[in-house]
C-alpha atoms as a PDB file:
ATOM      1  CA  MET A   1      -4.515   1.892   9.310  1.00  0.00           C
ATOM      2  CA  GLU A   2      -6.722   3.308   6.574  1.00  0.00           C
ATOM      3  CA  CYS A   3      -6.676   2.462   2.868  1.00  0.00           C
ATOM      4  CA  PHE A   4      -8.122   4.949   0.390  1.00  0.00           C
ATOM      5  CA  LEU A   5      -8.839   3.534  -3.053  1.00  0.00           C
ATOM      6  CA  LEU A   6      -8.614   6.588  -5.296  1.00  0.00           C
ATOM      7  CA  GLY A   7      -9.471   4.657  -8.445  1.00  0.00           C
ATOM      8  CA  SER A   8     -10.143   1.117  -9.597  1.00  0.00           C
ATOM      9  CA  GLY A   9      -9.740   1.193 -13.377  1.00  0.00           C
ATOM     10  CA  GLY A  10      -7.122   0.160 -15.893  1.00  0.00           C
ATOM     11  CA  MET A  11      -5.841   1.351 -19.291  1.00  0.00           C
ATOM     12  CA  MET A  12      -7.327   4.848 -19.271  1.00  0.00           C
ATOM     13  CA  PRO A  13      -9.376   7.107 -16.990  1.00  0.00           C
ATOM     14  CA  MET A  14     -13.050   6.916 -17.848  1.00  0.00           C
ATOM     15  CA  PRO A  15     -15.996   9.175 -16.940  1.00  0.00           C
ATOM     16  CA  TYR A  16     -17.228   6.403 -14.640  1.00  0.00           C
ATOM     17  CA  ARG A  17     -13.898   5.179 -13.200  1.00  0.00           C
ATOM     18  CA  PHE A  18     -10.548   6.686 -12.183  1.00  0.00           C
ATOM     19  CA  LEU A  19      -7.324   4.792 -12.770  1.00  0.00           C
ATOM     20  CA  THR A  20      -6.149   2.476 -10.007  1.00  0.00           C
ATOM     21  CA  SER A  21      -4.284   4.220  -7.203  1.00  0.00           C
ATOM     22  CA  LEU A  22      -4.147   3.476  -3.496  1.00  0.00           C
ATOM     23  CA  VAL A  23      -3.180   5.592  -0.480  1.00  0.00           C
ATOM     24  CA  VAL A  24      -2.406   3.866   2.816  1.00  0.00           C
ATOM     25  CA  ARG A  25      -2.436   6.152   5.856  1.00  0.00           C
ATOM     26  CA  VAL A  26      -0.725   5.200   9.103  1.00  0.00           C
ATOM     27  CA  GLU A  27      -0.823   7.699  11.981  1.00  0.00           C
ATOM     28  CA  GLY A  28      -1.071  10.609   9.556  1.00  0.00           C
ATOM     29  CA  ALA A  29       1.736   9.491   7.235  1.00  0.00           C
ATOM     30  CA  MET A  30       0.600   8.588   3.704  1.00  0.00           C
ATOM     31  CA  TYR A  31       2.000   6.086   1.215  1.00  0.00           C
ATOM     32  CA  MET A  32       0.713   6.106  -2.371  1.00  0.00           C
ATOM     33  CA  PHE A  33       0.815   3.191  -4.792  1.00  0.00           C
ATOM     34  CA  ASP A  34       0.685   4.143  -8.497  1.00  0.00           C
ATOM     35  CA  ALA A  35      -0.325   7.506  -9.909  1.00  0.00           C
ATOM     36  CA  GLY A  36      -2.010   7.400 -13.290  1.00  0.00           C
ATOM     37  CA  GLU A  37      -3.690  10.278 -15.118  1.00  0.00           C
ATOM     38  CA  GLY A  38      -6.112  12.160 -12.905  1.00  0.00           C
ATOM     39  CA  THR A  39      -4.869  10.770  -9.612  1.00  0.00           C
ATOM     40  CA  GLN A  40      -4.570  14.245  -8.101  1.00  0.00           C
ATOM     41  CA  VAL A  41      -8.274  14.837  -8.863  1.00  0.00           C
ATOM     42  CA  ALA A  42      -9.271  11.708  -6.957  1.00  0.00           C
ATOM     43  CA  LEU A  43      -6.955  12.718  -4.119  1.00  0.00           C
ATOM     44  CA  LYS A  44      -8.750  16.070  -3.920  1.00  0.00           C
ATOM     45  CA  LYS A  45     -12.152  14.388  -3.989  1.00  0.00           C
ATOM     46  CA  MET A  46     -11.222  12.315  -0.952  1.00  0.00           C
ATOM     47  CA  ALA A  47      -9.939  15.454   0.836  1.00  0.00           C
ATOM     48  CA  LEU A  48      -6.810  13.665   2.007  1.00  0.00           C
ATOM     49  CA  GLY A  49      -4.399  16.553   1.670  1.00  0.00           C
ATOM     50  CA  ILE A  50      -0.885  15.891   0.469  1.00  0.00           C
ATOM     51  CA  LYS A  51       1.499  17.257   3.091  1.00  0.00           C
ATOM     52  CA  GLY A  52       1.642  13.879   4.843  1.00  0.00           C
ATOM     53  CA  LEU A  53       2.648  12.038   1.661  1.00  0.00           C
ATOM     54  CA  ARG A  54       5.977  10.327   2.328  1.00  0.00           C
ATOM     55  CA  VAL A  55       6.250   7.764  -0.485  1.00  0.00           C
ATOM     56  CA  ILE A  56       4.964   7.173  -3.988  1.00  0.00           C
ATOM     57  CA  ALA A  57       5.538   3.596  -5.183  1.00  0.00           C
ATOM     58  CA  ILE A  58       5.257   3.078  -8.949  1.00  0.00           C
ATOM     59  CA  THR A  59       4.680  -0.457 -10.200  1.00  0.00           C
ATOM     60  CA  HIS A  60       5.832   0.108 -13.801  1.00  0.00           C
ATOM     61  CA  LEU A  61       6.208   2.721 -16.482  1.00  0.00           C
ATOM     62  CA  HIS A  62       2.981   2.209 -18.387  1.00  0.00           C
ATOM     63  CA  GLY A  63       1.013   5.429 -18.733  1.00  0.00           C
ATOM     64  CA  ASP A  64      -1.996   4.359 -16.672  1.00  0.00           C
ATOM     65  CA  HIS A  65       0.314   3.869 -13.678  1.00  0.00           C
ATOM     66  CA  CYS A  66       2.705   6.818 -13.852  1.00  0.00           C
ATOM     67  CA  LEU A  67       1.402   9.716 -15.967  1.00  0.00           C
ATOM     68  CA  GLY A  68      -0.208  11.322 -12.925  1.00  0.00           C
ATOM     69  CA  LEU A  69       3.107  11.428 -11.062  1.00  0.00           C
ATOM     70  CA  PRO A  70       4.140  14.907 -12.307  1.00  0.00           C
ATOM     71  CA  GLY A  71       0.810  16.345 -11.177  1.00  0.00           C
ATOM     72  CA  ILE A  72       1.190  14.836  -7.711  1.00  0.00           C
ATOM     73  CA  LEU A  73       4.738  16.230  -7.432  1.00  0.00           C
ATOM     74  CA  MET A  74       3.571  19.704  -8.427  1.00  0.00           C
ATOM     75  CA  MET A  75       0.585  19.464  -6.091  1.00  0.00           C
ATOM     76  CA  LYS A  76       2.855  18.695  -3.147  1.00  0.00           C
ATOM     77  CA  ALA A  77       4.954  21.739  -3.992  1.00  0.00           C
ATOM     78  CA  GLN A  78       1.942  24.000  -3.372  1.00  0.00           C
ATOM     79  CA  VAL A  79       1.856  23.431   0.405  1.00  0.00           C
ATOM     80  CA  GLN A  80       4.020  25.113   3.013  1.00  0.00           C
ATOM     81  CA  ASP A  81       6.884  22.982   4.315  1.00  0.00           C
ATOM     82  CA  PRO A  82       5.899  19.976   2.191  1.00  0.00           C
ATOM     83  CA  GLY A  83       8.637  17.731   3.570  1.00  0.00           C
ATOM     84  CA  PRO A  84      10.745  15.210   1.653  1.00  0.00           C
ATOM     85  CA  LEU A  85       9.383  12.542  -0.677  1.00  0.00           C
ATOM     86  CA  VAL A  86      10.649   9.107  -1.667  1.00  0.00           C
ATOM     87  CA  VAL A  87       9.707   7.695  -5.080  1.00  0.00           C
ATOM     88  CA  LEU A  88      10.049   3.933  -5.521  1.00  0.00           C
ATOM     89  CA  GLY A  89       9.905   2.259  -8.907  1.00  0.00           C
ATOM     90  CA  PRO A  90      11.607   0.291 -11.654  1.00  0.00           C
ATOM     91  CA  ALA A  91      14.769   1.398 -13.424  1.00  0.00           C
ATOM     92  CA  GLY A  92      14.031   4.513 -15.465  1.00  0.00           C
ATOM     93  CA  THR A  93      11.638   6.127 -12.968  1.00  0.00           C
ATOM     94  CA  GLU A  94      14.043   8.948 -12.075  1.00  0.00           C
ATOM     95  CA  GLY A  95      14.850   9.564 -15.732  1.00  0.00           C
ATOM     96  CA  PHE A  96      11.138   9.724 -16.566  1.00  0.00           C
ATOM     97  CA  VAL A  97      10.573  12.436 -13.960  1.00  0.00           C
ATOM     98  CA  ALA A  98      13.770  14.297 -14.888  1.00  0.00           C
ATOM     99  CA  SER A  99      12.812  14.491 -18.565  1.00  0.00           C
ATOM    100  CA  LEU A 100       9.365  15.853 -17.704  1.00  0.00           C
ATOM    101  CA  ARG A 101      10.850  18.446 -15.356  1.00  0.00           C
ATOM    102  CA  ALA A 102      13.261  19.525 -18.064  1.00  0.00           C
ATOM    103  CA  SER A 103      10.458  19.827 -20.635  1.00  0.00           C
ATOM    104  CA  LEU A 104       7.838  21.435 -18.415  1.00  0.00           C
ATOM    105  CA  GLY A 105      10.179  23.434 -16.203  1.00  0.00           C
ATOM    106  CA  PHE A 106       8.185  22.906 -13.022  1.00  0.00           C
ATOM    107  CA  HIS A 107       9.782  23.856  -9.706  1.00  0.00           C
ATOM    108  CA  LEU A 108       9.914  21.612  -6.651  1.00  0.00           C
ATOM    109  CA  ASN A 109      10.612  23.065  -3.216  1.00  0.00           C
ATOM    110  CA  TYR A 110      11.339  19.806  -1.415  1.00  0.00           C
ATOM    111  CA  PRO A 111      13.891  17.013  -1.756  1.00  0.00           C
ATOM    112  CA  ILE A 112      13.021  13.847  -3.680  1.00  0.00           C
ATOM    113  CA  GLU A 113      14.882  10.585  -3.261  1.00  0.00           C
ATOM    114  CA  PHE A 114      14.488   8.024  -6.032  1.00  0.00           C
ATOM    115  CA  VAL A 115      14.933   4.355  -5.172  1.00  0.00           C
ATOM    116  CA  GLU A 116      14.909   2.104  -8.218  1.00  0.00           C
ATOM    117  CA  TRP A 117      14.773  -1.678  -8.271  1.00  0.00           C
ATOM    118  CA  THR A 118      18.028  -3.567  -8.757  1.00  0.00           C
ATOM    119  CA  ASP A 119      18.527  -7.325  -8.680  1.00  0.00           C
ATOM    120  CA  SER A 120      20.982  -6.950  -5.803  1.00  0.00           C
ATOM    121  CA  GLY A 121      18.987  -4.439  -3.793  1.00  0.00           C
ATOM    122  CA  GLY A 122      17.090  -6.789  -1.498  1.00  0.00           C
ATOM    123  CA  GLU A 123      13.411  -7.173  -0.668  1.00  0.00           C
ATOM    124  CA  GLU A 124      13.000  -4.054   1.483  1.00  0.00           C
ATOM    125  CA  ALA A 125      12.499  -0.916  -0.595  1.00  0.00           C
ATOM    126  CA  TYR A 126      11.782   1.584   2.178  1.00  0.00           C
ATOM    127  CA  ALA A 127      11.391   1.875   5.938  1.00  0.00           C
ATOM    128  CA  ASP A 128      10.566   4.637   8.401  1.00  0.00           C
ATOM    129  CA  ASP A 129       9.377   4.908  11.987  1.00  0.00           C
ATOM    130  CA  ARG A 130       5.957   3.454  11.146  1.00  0.00           C
ATOM    131  CA  ILE A 131       6.191   0.936   8.317  1.00  0.00           C
ATOM    132  CA  SER A 132       8.364  -1.003   5.889  1.00  0.00           C
ATOM    133  CA  ILE A 133       7.643  -1.470   2.187  1.00  0.00           C
ATOM    134  CA  PHE A 134       8.811  -4.593   0.377  1.00  0.00           C
ATOM    135  CA  TRP A 135       8.840  -5.173  -3.364  1.00  0.00           C
ATOM    136  CA  ALA A 136       9.259  -7.982  -5.882  1.00  0.00           C
ATOM    137  CA  PRO A 137       9.089  -8.331  -9.687  1.00  0.00           C
ATOM    138  CA  LEU A 138       5.845  -9.745 -11.047  1.00  0.00           C
ATOM    139  CA  VAL A 139       5.025 -11.296 -14.439  1.00  0.00           C
ATOM    140  CA  HIS A 140       3.685  -8.803 -16.987  1.00  0.00           C
ATOM    141  CA  THR A 141       4.420  -7.745 -20.555  1.00  0.00           C
ATOM    142  CA  THR A 142       7.031  -5.320 -19.186  1.00  0.00           C
ATOM    143  CA  PHE A 143       8.998  -5.164 -15.948  1.00  0.00           C
ATOM    144  CA  CYS A 144       6.498  -4.603 -13.144  1.00  0.00           C
ATOM    145  CA  LEU A 145       6.794  -4.505  -9.358  1.00  0.00           C
ATOM    146  CA  GLY A 146       4.389  -5.594  -6.665  1.00  0.00           C
ATOM    147  CA  TYR A 147       4.465  -4.087  -3.171  1.00  0.00           C
ATOM    148  CA  ARG A 148       3.757  -5.119   0.402  1.00  0.00           C
ATOM    149  CA  LEU A 149       3.427  -2.560   3.209  1.00  0.00           C
ATOM    150  CA  GLU A 150       3.960  -3.830   6.756  1.00  0.00           C
ATOM    151  CA  GLU A 151       3.372  -1.889   9.944  1.00  0.00           C
ATOM    152  CA  HIS A 152       6.138  -2.390  12.496  1.00  0.00           C
ATOM    153  CA  PRO A 153       5.324  -4.795  15.354  1.00  0.00           C
ATOM    154  CA  ARG A 154       3.761  -3.136  18.365  1.00  0.00           C
ATOM    155  CA  PRO A 155       4.931  -3.612  21.949  1.00  0.00           C
ATOM    156  CA  GLY A 156       3.161  -6.317  23.896  1.00  0.00           C
ATOM    157  CA  LYS A 157       0.254  -5.595  26.195  1.00  0.00           C
ATOM    158  CA  PHE A 158       1.133  -3.756  29.387  1.00  0.00           C
ATOM    159  CA  LEU A 159       0.801  -6.167  32.310  1.00  0.00           C
ATOM    160  CA  VAL A 160      -0.501  -4.011  35.138  1.00  0.00           C
ATOM    161  CA  GLU A 161      -0.116  -6.584  37.901  1.00  0.00           C
ATOM    162  CA  ARG A 162       3.555  -7.152  37.031  1.00  0.00           C
ATOM    163  CA  ALA A 163       4.212  -3.409  37.133  1.00  0.00           C
ATOM    164  CA  ARG A 164       2.567  -3.164  40.529  1.00  0.00           C
ATOM    165  CA  ARG A 165       4.516  -6.104  41.903  1.00  0.00           C
ATOM    166  CA  LEU A 166       7.698  -4.351  40.809  1.00  0.00           C
ATOM    167  CA  ARG A 167       6.412  -1.202  42.572  1.00  0.00           C
ATOM    168  CA  VAL A 168       6.437   0.932  39.443  1.00  0.00           C
ATOM    169  CA  PRO A 169       4.205   3.911  40.302  1.00  0.00           C
ATOM    170  CA  GLU A 170       1.266   4.471  37.982  1.00  0.00           C
ATOM    171  CA  GLY A 171       1.779   7.459  35.686  1.00  0.00           C
ATOM    172  CA  PRO A 172       4.526   8.582  33.291  1.00  0.00           C
ATOM    173  CA  LEU A 173       6.792   5.603  34.067  1.00  0.00           C
ATOM    174  CA  TRP A 174       4.114   3.210  32.839  1.00  0.00           C
ATOM    175  CA  GLY A 175       3.957   5.142  29.589  1.00  0.00           C
ATOM    176  CA  ARG A 176       7.714   5.042  29.131  1.00  0.00           C
ATOM    177  CA  LEU A 177       7.782   1.281  29.652  1.00  0.00           C
ATOM    178  CA  GLN A 178       4.974   0.848  27.134  1.00  0.00           C
ATOM    179  CA  ARG A 179       7.056   2.808  24.610  1.00  0.00           C
ATOM    180  CA  GLY A 180       9.951   0.401  25.104  1.00  0.00           C
ATOM    181  CA  GLU A 181      12.079   2.534  27.422  1.00  0.00           C
ATOM    182  CA  GLU A 182      13.717   1.303  30.617  1.00  0.00           C
ATOM    183  CA  VAL A 183      13.064   3.301  33.796  1.00  0.00           C
ATOM    184  CA  ILE A 184      14.801   3.885  37.136  1.00  0.00           C
ATOM    185  CA  LEU A 185      12.633   3.873  40.258  1.00  0.00           C
ATOM    186  CA  ALA A 186      13.097   6.215  43.218  1.00  0.00           C
ATOM    187  CA  ASP A 187      15.067   3.554  45.119  1.00  0.00           C
ATOM    188  CA  GLY A 188      17.456   3.076  42.171  1.00  0.00           C
ATOM    189  CA  THR A 189      15.887  -0.145  40.845  1.00  0.00           C
ATOM    190  CA  LYS A 190      16.000  -0.497  37.071  1.00  0.00           C
ATOM    191  CA  VAL A 191      12.912  -1.897  35.314  1.00  0.00           C
ATOM    192  CA  VAL A 192      13.069  -2.888  31.646  1.00  0.00           C
ATOM    193  CA  PRO A 193      10.064  -3.214  29.296  1.00  0.00           C
ATOM    194  CA  SER A 194      10.329  -7.003  29.006  1.00  0.00           C
ATOM    195  CA  GLN A 195       9.485  -7.265  32.715  1.00  0.00           C
ATOM    196  CA  VAL A 196       6.069  -5.653  32.296  1.00  0.00           C
ATOM    197  CA  LEU A 197       5.089  -6.282  28.660  1.00  0.00           C
ATOM    198  CA  GLY A 198       3.647  -9.328  26.965  1.00  0.00           C
ATOM    199  CA  PRO A 199       5.015 -10.661  23.649  1.00  0.00           C
ATOM    200  CA  PRO A 200       5.201  -8.195  20.721  1.00  0.00           C
ATOM    201  CA  ARG A 201       2.030  -7.900  18.637  1.00  0.00           C
ATOM    202  CA  ARG A 202       2.146  -7.975  14.872  1.00  0.00           C
ATOM    203  CA  GLY A 203       1.437  -4.908  12.789  1.00  0.00           C
ATOM    204  CA  ARG A 204      -1.053  -4.716   9.947  1.00  0.00           C
ATOM    205  CA  SER A 205      -0.159  -5.389   6.308  1.00  0.00           C
ATOM    206  CA  VAL A 206      -1.360  -4.544   2.804  1.00  0.00           C
ATOM    207  CA  CYS A 207      -0.442  -5.927  -0.629  1.00  0.00           C
ATOM    208  CA  PHE A 208      -0.731  -3.888  -3.829  1.00  0.00           C
ATOM    209  CA  ALA A 209      -0.154  -5.893  -7.005  1.00  0.00           C
ATOM    210  CA  VAL A 210      -1.559  -5.034 -10.427  1.00  0.00           C
ATOM    211  CA  ASP A 211      -0.703  -5.915 -14.021  1.00  0.00           C
ATOM    212  CA  THR A 212       0.502  -9.434 -13.343  1.00  0.00           C
ATOM    213  CA  ARG A 213      -0.116 -13.097 -13.910  1.00  0.00           C
ATOM    214  CA  PRO A 214      -0.150 -15.478 -10.927  1.00  0.00           C
ATOM    215  CA  CYS A 215       3.446 -16.087  -9.834  1.00  0.00           C
ATOM    216  CA  LYS A 216       5.519 -17.076  -6.792  1.00  0.00           C
ATOM    217  CA  ALA A 217       6.397 -13.479  -5.982  1.00  0.00           C
ATOM    218  CA  LEU A 218       2.712 -12.557  -5.859  1.00  0.00           C
ATOM    219  CA  TYR A 219       1.981 -15.347  -3.375  1.00  0.00           C
ATOM    220  CA  LYS A 220       4.807 -14.096  -1.170  1.00  0.00           C
ATOM    221  CA  LEU A 221       3.627 -10.483  -1.275  1.00  0.00           C
ATOM    222  CA  CYS A 222       0.101 -11.602  -0.367  1.00  0.00           C
ATOM    223  CA  LYS A 223       1.036 -14.046   2.379  1.00  0.00           C
ATOM    224  CA  LYS A 224      -1.325 -13.538   5.329  1.00  0.00           C
ATOM    225  CA  VAL A 225      -1.894  -9.836   4.615  1.00  0.00           C
ATOM    226  CA  ASP A 226      -4.881  -8.116   6.161  1.00  0.00           C
ATOM    227  CA  MET A 227      -5.920  -6.666   2.807  1.00  0.00           C
ATOM    228  CA  ALA A 228      -4.778  -7.356  -0.763  1.00  0.00           C
ATOM    229  CA  PHE A 229      -5.506  -4.959  -3.622  1.00  0.00           C
ATOM    230  CA  LEU A 230      -5.078  -7.218  -6.641  1.00  0.00           C
ATOM    231  CA  ASP A 231      -5.358  -7.062 -10.400  1.00  0.00           C
ATOM    232  CA  GLY A 232      -8.764  -8.450 -11.337  1.00  0.00           C
ATOM    233  CA  MET A 233      -8.900  -6.898 -14.756  1.00  0.00           C
ATOM    234  CA  PHE A 234     -10.921  -9.568 -16.557  1.00  0.00           C
ATOM    235  CA  HIS A 235     -13.942 -11.783 -16.044  1.00  0.00           C
ATOM    236  CA  PRO A 236     -12.943 -15.484 -16.123  1.00  0.00           C
ATOM    237  CA  GLU A 237     -14.587 -15.899 -19.526  1.00  0.00           C
ATOM    238  CA  HIS A 238     -11.819 -13.651 -20.890  1.00  0.00           C
ATOM    239  CA  GLU A 239      -9.001 -15.801 -19.482  1.00  0.00           C
ATOM    240  CA  GLU A 240      -7.179 -16.125 -22.804  1.00  0.00           C
ATOM    241  CA  GLU A 241      -7.043 -12.359 -23.283  1.00  0.00           C
ATOM    242  CA  ALA A 242      -5.878 -11.909 -19.697  1.00  0.00           C
ATOM    243  CA  ARG A 243      -3.026 -14.338 -20.260  1.00  0.00           C
ATOM    244  CA  GLU A 244      -1.983 -12.661 -23.514  1.00  0.00           C
ATOM    245  CA  LYS A 245      -1.930  -9.194 -21.927  1.00  0.00           C
ATOM    246  CA  GLY A 246      -0.213 -10.203 -18.695  1.00  0.00           C
ATOM    247  CA  HIS A 247      -3.191  -9.763 -16.389  1.00  0.00           C
ATOM    248  CA  MET A 248      -5.358 -11.857 -14.077  1.00  0.00           C
ATOM    249  CA  THR A 249      -9.024 -12.675 -14.086  1.00  0.00           C
ATOM    250  CA  SER A 250     -11.004 -12.103 -10.907  1.00  0.00           C
ATOM    251  CA  SER A 251     -10.848 -15.864 -10.265  1.00  0.00           C
ATOM    252  CA  ASP A 252      -7.048 -15.859 -10.632  1.00  0.00           C
ATOM    253  CA  ALA A 253      -6.729 -13.064  -8.085  1.00  0.00           C
ATOM    254  CA  SER A 254      -9.043 -14.646  -5.519  1.00  0.00           C
ATOM    255  CA  ARG A 255      -7.350 -18.046  -5.897  1.00  0.00           C
ATOM    256  CA  VAL A 256      -3.912 -16.526  -5.257  1.00  0.00           C
ATOM    257  CA  ALA A 257      -5.221 -14.639  -2.235  1.00  0.00           C
ATOM    258  CA  ALA A 258      -6.913 -17.714  -0.795  1.00  0.00           C
ATOM    259  CA  ARG A 259      -3.800 -19.854  -1.120  1.00  0.00           C
ATOM    260  CA  ALA A 260      -1.638 -17.088   0.349  1.00  0.00           C
ATOM    261  CA  GLY A 261      -3.959 -16.653   3.325  1.00  0.00           C
ATOM    262  CA  ALA A 262      -4.903 -13.020   2.636  1.00  0.00           C
ATOM    263  CA  SER A 263      -7.776 -12.020   4.903  1.00  0.00           C
ATOM    264  CA  ARG A 264      -9.573  -9.702   2.506  1.00  0.00           C
ATOM    265  CA  VAL A 265      -9.309  -9.047  -1.236  1.00  0.00           C
ATOM    266  CA  ILE A 266     -10.176  -5.904  -3.191  1.00  0.00           C
ATOM    267  CA  LEU A 267     -10.191  -6.380  -6.970  1.00  0.00           C
ATOM    268  CA  VAL A 268      -8.826  -3.395  -8.893  1.00  0.00           C
ATOM    269  CA  HIS A 269      -7.533  -2.368 -12.331  1.00  0.00           C
ATOM    270  CA  LEU A 270     -10.803  -3.306 -14.022  1.00  0.00           C
ATOM    271  CA  SER A 271     -11.031  -3.236 -17.799  1.00  0.00           C
ATOM    272  CA  PRO A 272     -12.969  -0.244 -19.200  1.00  0.00           C
ATOM    273  CA  ARG A 273     -15.256  -2.730 -20.949  1.00  0.00           C
ATOM    274  CA  TYR A 274     -16.982  -3.512 -17.649  1.00  0.00           C
ATOM    275  CA  LYS A 275     -19.167  -0.541 -16.835  1.00  0.00           C
ATOM    276  CA  ASP A 276     -22.539  -2.152 -16.300  1.00  0.00           C
ATOM    277  CA  GLU A 277     -23.400  -2.960 -12.675  1.00  0.00           C
ATOM    278  CA  GLY A 278     -24.501  -6.439 -13.699  1.00  0.00           C
ATOM    279  CA  GLU A 279     -21.059  -7.135 -15.170  1.00  0.00           C
ATOM    280  CA  ILE A 280     -19.394  -5.978 -11.964  1.00  0.00           C
ATOM    281  CA  ARG A 281     -21.584  -8.341  -9.931  1.00  0.00           C
ATOM    282  CA  GLU A 282     -20.624 -11.238 -12.206  1.00  0.00           C
ATOM    283  CA  ILE A 283     -16.911 -10.475 -11.742  1.00  0.00           C
ATOM    284  CA  GLN A 284     -17.356 -10.479  -7.977  1.00  0.00           C
ATOM    285  CA  LYS A 285     -19.503 -13.623  -8.033  1.00  0.00           C
ATOM    286  CA  ALA A 286     -16.835 -15.533  -9.943  1.00  0.00           C
ATOM    287  CA  ALA A 287     -14.133 -14.366  -7.516  1.00  0.00           C
ATOM    288  CA  SER A 288     -16.235 -15.277  -4.467  1.00  0.00           C
ATOM    289  CA  GLU A 289     -16.132 -18.938  -5.459  1.00  0.00           C
ATOM    290  CA  ARG A 290     -12.416 -18.974  -4.568  1.00  0.00           C
ATOM    291  CA  HIS A 291     -12.256 -16.611  -1.568  1.00  0.00           C
ATOM    292  CA  GLY A 292     -14.812 -15.891   1.126  1.00  0.00           C
ATOM    293  CA  SER A 293     -14.034 -12.189   1.531  1.00  0.00           C
ATOM    294  CA  VAL A 294     -13.560 -10.579  -1.856  1.00  0.00           C
ATOM    295  CA  GLU A 295     -15.131  -7.537  -3.462  1.00  0.00           C
ATOM    296  CA  VAL A 296     -14.711  -5.368  -6.519  1.00  0.00           C
ATOM    297  CA  GLY A 297     -13.062  -2.083  -5.574  1.00  0.00           C
ATOM    298  CA  ARG A 298     -15.039   1.124  -5.931  1.00  0.00           C
ATOM    299  CA  ASP A 299     -13.503   4.524  -6.598  1.00  0.00           C
ATOM    300  CA  LEU A 300     -13.148   6.876  -3.629  1.00  0.00           C
ATOM    301  CA  THR A 301     -13.729   4.143  -1.043  1.00  0.00           C
ATOM    302  CA  GLN A 302     -12.115   4.069   2.385  1.00  0.00           C
ATOM    303  CA  TYR A 303     -11.225   0.740   3.972  1.00  0.00           C
ATOM    304  CA  THR A 304     -10.182   0.565   7.629  1.00  0.00           C
ATOM    305  CA  ILE A 305      -7.925  -2.192   8.897  1.00  0.00           C
ATOM    306  CA  PRO A 306      -8.396  -2.575  12.671  1.00  0.00           C
ATOM    307  CA  LEU A 307      -5.638  -3.651  15.005  1.00  0.00           C
ATOM    308  CA  PRO A 308      -5.383  -7.452  14.914  1.00  0.00           C
ATOM    309  CA  ASP A 309      -5.767  -7.840  18.688  1.00  0.00           C
END
């Protein structure tokens, strides 16, 4: 699993910092979280392509999180056989896109499915053959969603000695059992995966939560994730302003992550006021007092999450 931080800023794109957007790639499939102004430029800079993009998840309808969405949609339409796209977001997301399409008249050559949050819709927003995405409302000045991406559990380790004792010949049948398929041996004996596999192994997980105050939903989204991309918009000395504007300080974010058991924390959605490298170091220093593995996100950075075992 690879995480590509396209941008790390908040409020507006700056010459020194793109707006916060994250792409998670799992076996070639890509899942994007937020798309502010200029996101397609950052996507190009990281040379990720766009054909593999399956989902765009929008946290809320503030401009620095959604104004790049039309550009991404039009960019996807430029490739051959672009494939379908799912757009997740709060109520009004589909209407936002529809009004822009009506005004700008841009053509899309692929199907889009919009899935908007409802109180009765459940915690799972999306699932495919690789991952599931869960969502929950956060606490901001407007309705805002946080997301958690979970890779599906993997089959247990293949136990070679068990397979040999059952006289399963080495080769394609071993592969089928590892993929969870039962097999029939030459003598008619049926062997099922549970006979030759250890217990299932957990998949990897990522949390993306910006524009929020600490809240119960945030703890749940962050619980024991491998990597959490969290709103760290303000230095702790600006706590009062953070509270008024519905954001967290870097200390707030690292404290939530530590209590939730997140393995690694990347602080994103930084205020434009922090552009000096010394200020960035101070933000990270304050956060490090609460969590042992925290860093300030940098634009166009790739983070790899290895398999847990």
